Amino acid sequence: MTATAKSSTQIAERITEAMLARKLAPGTRLGEQQLAELFGVSRTQIREALTRLVTRGIVTVSARRGWYVIEPTPEDARDAFEARRVLELGLLRHARPISADAIRKLRQHVEREQAALEGDDVASRSFLLGDFHVCLCESFGNTLLADTLRDLTTRTTLTAMQYQSSHHARQSCAEHVGIVAALEAGDLEQAEQLMHNHLCNVEAGLDQSLRSDSLSPLRQALAPLSENADFATSPPLKEF
């Protein structure tokens, strides 16, 4: 990263991109001084950027602990996916036919997804898979919804990291291909149905035990490391 000064908006977007790329995990501390040094700006600008992210609901702040990437709860996850369904399905249901230029851009995006899948750049792959939905929204010319969707997609990406999503990247990419094909054919109803299925599949990929059992993270953390562990003979943790 260069020392070129950046605006607080640019800094906020760079941090958001890092979350979408799964480079910043839930609960990561965002130190003001470290970020100021990395971006070559004042701590005041960093605070402005982080405040923007707090307002957008993807960073949390504590007077004593500082700034942290949010750690979504199972309830947060359900709310975020429900919001995405309302927004993305509503957009497709009421949209006008998409332009040929927009289809071309979406196809290029999907091709980049496919190329990333063939390589080992997990960060680019994760970013592109999440950014597809933002690009789709932008293709219909609605930047306001695109901004909102970017934050919701960031939340669901953090959720997938928090709860170990098993949804396969190749499946997501294949579903994106199907959505673009339906749009190119002018079949918005089919595109809407495919998007509904896609979002449901992604949400279903979340580890069900973690979604339904609030004690599961602690249960896993306290599980014996091996049969020879000193505490392995202790009574098993109660299953709920």
C-alpha atoms as a PDB file:
ATOM      1  CA  MET A   1       0.000   0.000   0.000  1.00  0.00           C
ATOM      2  CA  THR A   2       1.351   3.426  -0.931  1.00  0.00           C
ATOM      3  CA  ALA A   3       1.588   6.382   1.371  1.00  0.00           C
ATOM      4  CA  THR A   4      -0.609   8.462  -0.935  1.00  0.00           C
ATOM      5  CA  ALA A   5      -3.238  10.259   1.087  1.00  0.00           C
ATOM      6  CA  LYS A   6      -6.752   8.956   0.620  1.00  0.00           C
ATOM      7  CA  SER A   7     -10.160  10.335   1.549  1.00  0.00           C
ATOM      8  CA  SER A   8     -12.140   8.809   4.397  1.00  0.00           C
ATOM      9  CA  THR A   9     -14.615   7.492   1.804  1.00  0.00           C
ATOM     10  CA  GLN A  10     -11.863   5.690  -0.106  1.00  0.00           C
ATOM     11  CA  ILE A  11     -10.480   4.235   3.102  1.00  0.00           C
ATOM     12  CA  ALA A  12     -13.925   2.986   4.150  1.00  0.00           C
ATOM     13  CA  GLU A  13     -14.400   1.334   0.757  1.00  0.00           C
ATOM     14  CA  ARG A  14     -10.965  -0.302   0.905  1.00  0.00           C
ATOM     15  CA  ILE A  15     -11.794  -1.801   4.304  1.00  0.00           C
ATOM     16  CA  THR A  16     -15.156  -2.999   2.961  1.00  0.00           C
ATOM     17  CA  GLU A  17     -13.438  -4.642  -0.008  1.00  0.00           C
ATOM     18  CA  ALA A  18     -11.091  -6.440   2.390  1.00  0.00           C
ATOM     19  CA  MET A  19     -14.116  -7.851   4.234  1.00  0.00           C
ATOM     20  CA  LEU A  20     -15.711  -9.005   0.976  1.00  0.00           C
ATOM     21  CA  ALA A  21     -12.407 -10.641   0.056  1.00  0.00           C
ATOM     22  CA  ARG A  22     -12.391 -12.398   3.448  1.00  0.00           C
ATOM     23  CA  LYS A  23      -9.110 -10.740   4.370  1.00  0.00           C
ATOM     24  CA  LEU A  24     -10.628  -9.141   7.474  1.00  0.00           C
ATOM     25  CA  ALA A  25     -12.369 -11.688   9.662  1.00  0.00           C
ATOM     26  CA  PRO A  26     -15.220 -10.998  12.096  1.00  0.00           C
ATOM     27  CA  GLY A  27     -13.888  -9.536  15.335  1.00  0.00           C
ATOM     28  CA  THR A  28     -10.689  -8.143  13.779  1.00  0.00           C
ATOM     29  CA  ARG A  29      -9.456  -5.071  15.658  1.00  0.00           C
ATOM     30  CA  LEU A  30      -8.990  -2.003  13.468  1.00  0.00           C
ATOM     31  CA  GLY A  31      -6.308   0.055  15.166  1.00  0.00           C
ATOM     32  CA  GLU A  32      -6.389   3.761  14.369  1.00  0.00           C
ATOM     33  CA  GLN A  33      -2.615   4.246  14.446  1.00  0.00           C
ATOM     34  CA  GLN A  34      -1.858   1.186  12.322  1.00  0.00           C
ATOM     35  CA  LEU A  35      -4.433   2.179   9.711  1.00  0.00           C
ATOM     36  CA  ALA A  36      -3.171   5.763   9.690  1.00  0.00           C
ATOM     37  CA  GLU A  37       0.330   4.511   8.932  1.00  0.00           C
ATOM     38  CA  LEU A  38      -0.855   2.112   6.234  1.00  0.00           C
ATOM     39  CA  PHE A  39      -2.940   4.698   4.409  1.00  0.00           C
ATOM     40  CA  GLY A  40      -0.579   7.617   5.046  1.00  0.00           C
ATOM     41  CA  VAL A  41      -3.276   9.789   6.615  1.00  0.00           C
ATOM     42  CA  SER A  42      -4.126  11.276   9.996  1.00  0.00           C
ATOM     43  CA  ARG A  43      -5.940   9.377  12.732  1.00  0.00           C
ATOM     44  CA  THR A  44      -8.764  11.886  12.298  1.00  0.00           C
ATOM     45  CA  GLN A  45      -9.352  10.632   8.748  1.00  0.00           C
ATOM     46  CA  ILE A  46      -9.235   7.051   9.966  1.00  0.00           C
ATOM     47  CA  ARG A  47     -11.852   7.808  12.614  1.00  0.00           C
ATOM     48  CA  GLU A  48     -14.030   9.424   9.940  1.00  0.00           C
ATOM     49  CA  ALA A  49     -13.722   6.314   7.760  1.00  0.00           C
ATOM     50  CA  LEU A  50     -14.466   3.929  10.616  1.00  0.00           C
ATOM     51  CA  THR A  51     -17.416   6.052  11.726  1.00  0.00           C
ATOM     52  CA  ARG A  52     -18.854   5.654   8.226  1.00  0.00           C
ATOM     53  CA  LEU A  53     -18.552   1.883   8.580  1.00  0.00           C
ATOM     54  CA  VAL A  54     -20.199   1.945  12.005  1.00  0.00           C
ATOM     55  CA  THR A  55     -23.112   3.836  10.443  1.00  0.00           C
ATOM     56  CA  ARG A  56     -23.298   1.200   7.731  1.00  0.00           C
ATOM     57  CA  GLY A  57     -23.417  -1.541  10.363  1.00  0.00           C
ATOM     58  CA  ILE A  58     -20.243  -3.443   9.473  1.00  0.00           C
ATOM     59  CA  VAL A  59     -17.915  -2.073  12.155  1.00  0.00           C
ATOM     60  CA  THR A  60     -18.561  -1.670  15.865  1.00  0.00           C
ATOM     61  CA  VAL A  61     -16.841   0.652  18.322  1.00  0.00           C
ATOM     62  CA  SER A  62     -16.318   0.650  22.072  1.00  0.00           C
ATOM     63  CA  ALA A  63     -14.885   3.544  24.065  1.00  0.00           C
ATOM     64  CA  ARG A  64     -12.597   1.123  25.901  1.00  0.00           C
ATOM     65  CA  ARG A  65     -11.862  -1.543  23.297  1.00  0.00           C
ATOM     66  CA  GLY A  66     -11.701   0.474  20.078  1.00  0.00           C
ATOM     67  CA  TRP A  67     -12.920  -0.391  16.577  1.00  0.00           C
ATOM     68  CA  TYR A  68     -13.724  -3.949  15.459  1.00  0.00           C
ATOM     69  CA  VAL A  69     -15.219  -5.744  12.474  1.00  0.00           C
ATOM     70  CA  ILE A  70     -18.686  -6.920  13.475  1.00  0.00           C
ATOM     71  CA  GLU A  71     -19.308 -10.508  14.573  1.00  0.00           C
ATOM     72  CA  PRO A  72     -22.776 -11.354  13.210  1.00  0.00           C
ATOM     73  CA  THR A  73     -25.089 -13.420  15.376  1.00  0.00           C
ATOM     74  CA  PRO A  74     -27.369 -16.087  13.871  1.00  0.00           C
ATOM     75  CA  GLU A  75     -30.212 -13.564  14.144  1.00  0.00           C
ATOM     76  CA  ASP A  76     -28.122 -10.971  12.276  1.00  0.00           C
ATOM     77  CA  ALA A  77     -27.502 -13.562   9.565  1.00  0.00           C
ATOM     78  CA  ARG A  78     -31.186 -14.315   9.099  1.00  0.00           C
ATOM     79  CA  ASP A  79     -32.034 -10.599   8.973  1.00  0.00           C
ATOM     80  CA  ALA A  80     -29.312  -9.888   6.405  1.00  0.00           C
ATOM     81  CA  PHE A  81     -30.369 -12.730   4.104  1.00  0.00           C
ATOM     82  CA  GLU A  82     -34.027 -11.736   4.384  1.00  0.00           C
ATOM     83  CA  ALA A  83     -33.131  -8.140   3.508  1.00  0.00           C
ATOM     84  CA  ARG A  84     -31.143  -9.343   0.513  1.00  0.00           C
ATOM     85  CA  ARG A  85     -34.058 -11.430  -0.713  1.00  0.00           C
ATOM     86  CA  VAL A  86     -36.444  -8.471  -0.467  1.00  0.00           C
ATOM     87  CA  LEU A  87     -34.021  -6.152  -2.249  1.00  0.00           C
ATOM     88  CA  GLU A  88     -32.645  -8.417  -4.974  1.00  0.00           C
ATOM     89  CA  LEU A  89     -35.869 -10.230  -5.839  1.00  0.00           C
ATOM     90  CA  GLY A  90     -37.807  -6.975  -5.779  1.00  0.00           C
ATOM     91  CA  LEU A  91     -35.270  -5.401  -8.117  1.00  0.00           C
ATOM     92  CA  LEU A  92     -35.651  -8.225 -10.651  1.00  0.00           C
ATOM     93  CA  ARG A  93     -39.433  -8.333 -10.300  1.00  0.00           C
ATOM     94  CA  HIS A  94     -39.857  -4.639 -11.151  1.00  0.00           C
ATOM     95  CA  ALA A  95     -36.892  -4.125 -13.451  1.00  0.00           C
ATOM     96  CA  ARG A  96     -36.955  -3.113 -17.080  1.00  0.00           C
ATOM     97  CA  PRO A  97     -35.201  -5.389 -19.608  1.00  0.00           C
ATOM     98  CA  ILE A  98     -31.454  -5.107 -19.103  1.00  0.00           C
ATOM     99  CA  SER A  99     -29.297  -3.494 -21.786  1.00  0.00           C
ATOM    100  CA  ALA A 100     -26.877  -5.407 -24.017  1.00  0.00           C
ATOM    101  CA  ASP A 101     -23.980  -3.424 -22.566  1.00  0.00           C
ATOM    102  CA  ALA A 102     -24.997  -4.384 -19.028  1.00  0.00           C
ATOM    103  CA  ILE A 103     -25.202  -8.059 -20.054  1.00  0.00           C
ATOM    104  CA  ARG A 104     -21.719  -7.808 -21.524  1.00  0.00           C
ATOM    105  CA  LYS A 105     -20.354  -6.417 -18.249  1.00  0.00           C
ATOM    106  CA  LEU A 106     -22.072  -9.131 -16.221  1.00  0.00           C
ATOM    107  CA  ARG A 107     -20.663 -11.825 -18.497  1.00  0.00           C
ATOM    108  CA  GLN A 108     -17.184 -10.344 -18.074  1.00  0.00           C
ATOM    109  CA  HIS A 109     -17.667 -10.377 -14.325  1.00  0.00           C
ATOM    110  CA  VAL A 110     -18.694 -14.034 -14.356  1.00  0.00           C
ATOM    111  CA  GLU A 111     -15.678 -14.845 -16.547  1.00  0.00           C
ATOM    112  CA  ARG A 112     -13.430 -13.245 -13.919  1.00  0.00           C
ATOM    113  CA  GLU A 113     -15.140 -15.381 -11.279  1.00  0.00           C
ATOM    114  CA  GLN A 114     -14.423 -18.500 -13.327  1.00  0.00           C
ATOM    115  CA  ALA A 115     -10.790 -17.485 -13.833  1.00  0.00           C
ATOM    116  CA  ALA A 116     -10.393 -16.885 -10.095  1.00  0.00           C
ATOM    117  CA  LEU A 117     -11.828 -20.331  -9.392  1.00  0.00           C
ATOM    118  CA  GLU A 118      -9.135 -21.903 -11.561  1.00  0.00           C
ATOM    119  CA  GLY A 119      -6.378 -20.091  -9.651  1.00  0.00           C
ATOM    120  CA  ASP A 120      -5.458 -19.994  -5.990  1.00  0.00           C
ATOM    121  CA  ASP A 121      -6.392 -16.386  -5.261  1.00  0.00           C
ATOM    122  CA  VAL A 122      -9.076 -17.028  -2.659  1.00  0.00           C
ATOM    123  CA  ALA A 123      -9.393 -13.324  -1.845  1.00  0.00           C
ATOM    124  CA  SER A 124     -10.199 -12.335  -5.449  1.00  0.00           C
ATOM    125  CA  ARG A 125     -12.601 -15.252  -5.779  1.00  0.00           C
ATOM    126  CA  SER A 126     -14.488 -14.294  -2.619  1.00  0.00           C
ATOM    127  CA  PHE A 127     -14.638 -10.638  -3.595  1.00  0.00           C
ATOM    128  CA  LEU A 128     -15.899 -11.330  -7.111  1.00  0.00           C
ATOM    129  CA  LEU A 129     -18.581 -13.763  -5.937  1.00  0.00           C
ATOM    130  CA  GLY A 130     -19.958 -11.194  -3.505  1.00  0.00           C
ATOM    131  CA  ASP A 131     -19.522  -8.237  -5.845  1.00  0.00           C
ATOM    132  CA  PHE A 132     -21.587  -9.954  -8.561  1.00  0.00           C
ATOM    133  CA  HIS A 133     -24.753  -8.950  -6.747  1.00  0.00           C
ATOM    134  CA  VAL A 134     -23.654  -5.330  -6.471  1.00  0.00           C
ATOM    135  CA  CYS A 135     -22.736  -5.278 -10.164  1.00  0.00           C
ATOM    136  CA  LEU A 136     -26.139  -6.729 -11.042  1.00  0.00           C
ATOM    137  CA  CYS A 137     -27.848  -3.967  -9.096  1.00  0.00           C
ATOM    138  CA  GLU A 138     -25.696  -1.338 -10.811  1.00  0.00           C
ATOM    139  CA  SER A 139     -26.601  -2.857 -14.185  1.00  0.00           C
ATOM    140  CA  PHE A 140     -30.169  -1.717 -13.662  1.00  0.00           C
ATOM    141  CA  GLY A 141     -28.942   1.822 -12.930  1.00  0.00           C
ATOM    142  CA  ASN A 142     -29.864   1.954  -9.243  1.00  0.00           C
ATOM    143  CA  THR A 143     -26.775   3.127  -7.367  1.00  0.00           C
ATOM    144  CA  LEU A 144     -28.690   3.699  -4.121  1.00  0.00           C
ATOM    145  CA  LEU A 145     -29.764   0.068  -3.961  1.00  0.00           C
ATOM    146  CA  ALA A 146     -26.284  -1.001  -5.038  1.00  0.00           C
ATOM    147  CA  ASP A 147     -24.740   0.811  -2.057  1.00  0.00           C
ATOM    148  CA  THR A 148     -27.244  -0.792   0.297  1.00  0.00           C
ATOM    149  CA  LEU A 149     -26.653  -4.208  -1.216  1.00  0.00           C
ATOM    150  CA  ARG A 150     -22.878  -3.819  -0.877  1.00  0.00           C
ATOM    151  CA  ASP A 151     -23.267  -3.491   2.883  1.00  0.00           C
ATOM    152  CA  LEU A 152     -25.711  -6.395   3.110  1.00  0.00           C
ATOM    153  CA  THR A 153     -23.400  -8.577   1.031  1.00  0.00           C
ATOM    154  CA  THR A 154     -20.518  -7.646   3.319  1.00  0.00           C
ATOM    155  CA  ARG A 155     -22.607  -8.711   6.319  1.00  0.00           C
ATOM    156  CA  THR A 156     -23.458 -12.085   4.778  1.00  0.00           C
ATOM    157  CA  THR A 157     -19.814 -12.613   3.772  1.00  0.00           C
ATOM    158  CA  LEU A 158     -18.779 -12.004   7.380  1.00  0.00           C
ATOM    159  CA  THR A 159     -21.523 -14.390   8.465  1.00  0.00           C
ATOM    160  CA  ALA A 160     -20.137 -17.091   6.177  1.00  0.00           C
ATOM    161  CA  MET A 161     -16.707 -16.597   7.747  1.00  0.00           C
ATOM    162  CA  GLN A 162     -18.156 -16.585  11.268  1.00  0.00           C
ATOM    163  CA  TYR A 163     -20.218 -19.729  10.821  1.00  0.00           C
ATOM    164  CA  GLN A 164     -18.083 -21.686   8.349  1.00  0.00           C
ATOM    165  CA  SER A 165     -20.296 -21.634   5.258  1.00  0.00           C
ATOM    166  CA  SER A 166     -20.076 -24.862   3.286  1.00  0.00           C
ATOM    167  CA  HIS A 167     -21.610 -23.364   0.144  1.00  0.00           C
ATOM    168  CA  HIS A 168     -19.183 -24.180  -2.640  1.00  0.00           C
ATOM    169  CA  ALA A 169     -17.716 -21.310  -4.649  1.00  0.00           C
ATOM    170  CA  ARG A 170     -18.160 -23.210  -7.912  1.00  0.00           C
ATOM    171  CA  GLN A 171     -21.852 -23.676  -7.188  1.00  0.00           C
ATOM    172  CA  SER A 172     -22.247 -19.946  -6.571  1.00  0.00           C
ATOM    173  CA  CYS A 173     -20.478 -19.144  -9.824  1.00  0.00           C
ATOM    174  CA  ALA A 174     -22.631 -21.620 -11.769  1.00  0.00           C
ATOM    175  CA  GLU A 175     -25.756 -20.048 -10.312  1.00  0.00           C
ATOM    176  CA  HIS A 176     -24.516 -16.596 -11.328  1.00  0.00           C
ATOM    177  CA  VAL A 177     -24.043 -17.899 -14.883  1.00  0.00           C
ATOM    178  CA  GLY A 178     -27.650 -19.101 -14.917  1.00  0.00           C
ATOM    179  CA  ILE A 179     -28.968 -15.763 -13.693  1.00  0.00           C
ATOM    180  CA  VAL A 180     -27.063 -13.857 -16.391  1.00  0.00           C
ATOM    181  CA  ALA A 181     -28.314 -16.276 -19.058  1.00  0.00           C
ATOM    182  CA  ALA A 182     -31.923 -15.700 -17.982  1.00  0.00           C
ATOM    183  CA  LEU A 183     -31.403 -11.943 -18.084  1.00  0.00           C
ATOM    184  CA  GLU A 184     -29.842 -12.160 -21.538  1.00  0.00           C
ATOM    185  CA  ALA A 185     -32.882 -14.130 -22.720  1.00  0.00           C
ATOM    186  CA  GLY A 186     -35.135 -11.385 -21.337  1.00  0.00           C
ATOM    187  CA  ASP A 187     -36.750 -13.777 -18.868  1.00  0.00           C
ATOM    188  CA  LEU A 188     -36.863 -11.674 -15.703  1.00  0.00           C
ATOM    189  CA  GLU A 189     -39.260 -14.106 -14.018  1.00  0.00           C
ATOM    190  CA  GLN A 190     -36.766 -16.945 -14.448  1.00  0.00           C
ATOM    191  CA  ALA A 191     -33.913 -14.696 -13.289  1.00  0.00           C
ATOM    192  CA  GLU A 192     -35.888 -13.864 -10.152  1.00  0.00           C
ATOM    193  CA  GLN A 193     -36.552 -17.541  -9.411  1.00  0.00           C
ATOM    194  CA  LEU A 194     -32.899 -18.426  -9.948  1.00  0.00           C
ATOM    195  CA  MET A 195     -31.818 -15.602  -7.661  1.00  0.00           C
ATOM    196  CA  HIS A 196     -34.247 -16.789  -4.984  1.00  0.00           C
ATOM    197  CA  ASN A 197     -32.840 -20.306  -5.227  1.00  0.00           C
ATOM    198  CA  HIS A 198     -29.280 -18.981  -5.142  1.00  0.00           C
ATOM    199  CA  LEU A 199     -29.777 -16.899  -1.990  1.00  0.00           C
ATOM    200  CA  CYS A 200     -31.538 -19.787  -0.272  1.00  0.00           C
ATOM    201  CA  ASN A 201     -28.681 -22.115  -1.208  1.00  0.00           C
ATOM    202  CA  VAL A 202     -26.075 -19.738   0.171  1.00  0.00           C
ATOM    203  CA  GLU A 203     -27.984 -19.304   3.424  1.00  0.00           C
ATOM    204  CA  ALA A 204     -28.512 -23.056   3.701  1.00  0.00           C
ATOM    205  CA  GLY A 205     -24.754 -23.481   3.415  1.00  0.00           C
ATOM    206  CA  LEU A 206     -24.312 -22.074   6.882  1.00  0.00           C
ATOM    207  CA  ASP A 207     -23.482 -24.653   9.501  1.00  0.00           C
ATOM    208  CA  GLN A 208     -26.915 -25.494  10.930  1.00  0.00           C
ATOM    209  CA  SER A 209     -25.618 -26.330  14.389  1.00  0.00           C
ATOM    210  CA  LEU A 210     -24.009 -22.920  14.726  1.00  0.00           C
ATOM    211  CA  ARG A 211     -27.111 -21.164  13.454  1.00  0.00           C
ATOM    212  CA  SER A 212     -29.425 -22.953  15.861  1.00  0.00           C
ATOM    213  CA  ASP A 213     -27.198 -23.378  18.907  1.00  0.00           C
ATOM    214  CA  SER A 214     -25.773 -20.232  20.493  1.00  0.00           C
ATOM    215  CA  LEU A 215     -23.472 -22.349  22.703  1.00  0.00           C
ATOM    216  CA  SER A 216     -21.902 -24.208  19.794  1.00  0.00           C
ATOM    217  CA  PRO A 217     -18.836 -21.919  19.339  1.00  0.00           C
ATOM    218  CA  LEU A 218     -18.019 -22.272  23.054  1.00  0.00           C
ATOM    219  CA  ARG A 219     -18.786 -25.998  22.973  1.00  0.00           C
ATOM    220  CA  GLN A 220     -16.335 -26.484  20.111  1.00  0.00           C
ATOM    221  CA  ALA A 221     -13.677 -24.336  21.787  1.00  0.00           C
ATOM    222  CA  LEU A 222     -13.890 -26.384  24.997  1.00  0.00           C
ATOM    223  CA  ALA A 223     -13.989 -29.779  23.331  1.00  0.00           C
ATOM    224  CA  PRO A 224     -11.052 -32.115  24.225  1.00  0.00           C
ATOM    225  CA  LEU A 225      -8.089 -31.722  21.895  1.00  0.00           C
ATOM    226  CA  SER A 226      -7.469 -35.471  21.895  1.00  0.00           C
ATOM    227  CA  GLU A 227      -8.345 -38.658  23.717  1.00  0.00           C
ATOM    228  CA  ASN A 228      -5.168 -38.229  25.772  1.00  0.00           C
ATOM    229  CA  ALA A 229      -6.006 -34.717  26.925  1.00  0.00           C
ATOM    230  CA  ASP A 230      -6.027 -34.264  30.708  1.00  0.00           C
ATOM    231  CA  PHE A 231      -9.644 -33.236  30.691  1.00  0.00           C
ATOM    232  CA  ALA A 232     -10.786 -35.882  28.239  1.00  0.00           C
ATOM    233  CA  THR A 233     -12.257 -37.929  31.092  1.00  0.00           C
ATOM    234  CA  SER A 234     -14.467 -35.075  32.209  1.00  0.00           C
ATOM    235  CA  PRO A 235     -18.203 -35.441  31.638  1.00  0.00           C
ATOM    236  CA  PRO A 236     -19.140 -34.440  28.065  1.00  0.00           C
ATOM    237  CA  LEU A 237     -20.656 -31.053  27.531  1.00  0.00           C
ATOM    238  CA  LYS A 238     -24.410 -31.295  27.498  1.00  0.00           C
ATOM    239  CA  GLU A 239     -26.050 -31.347  24.074  1.00  0.00           C
ATOM    240  CA  PHE A 240     -28.944 -28.993  23.661  1.00  0.00           C
END
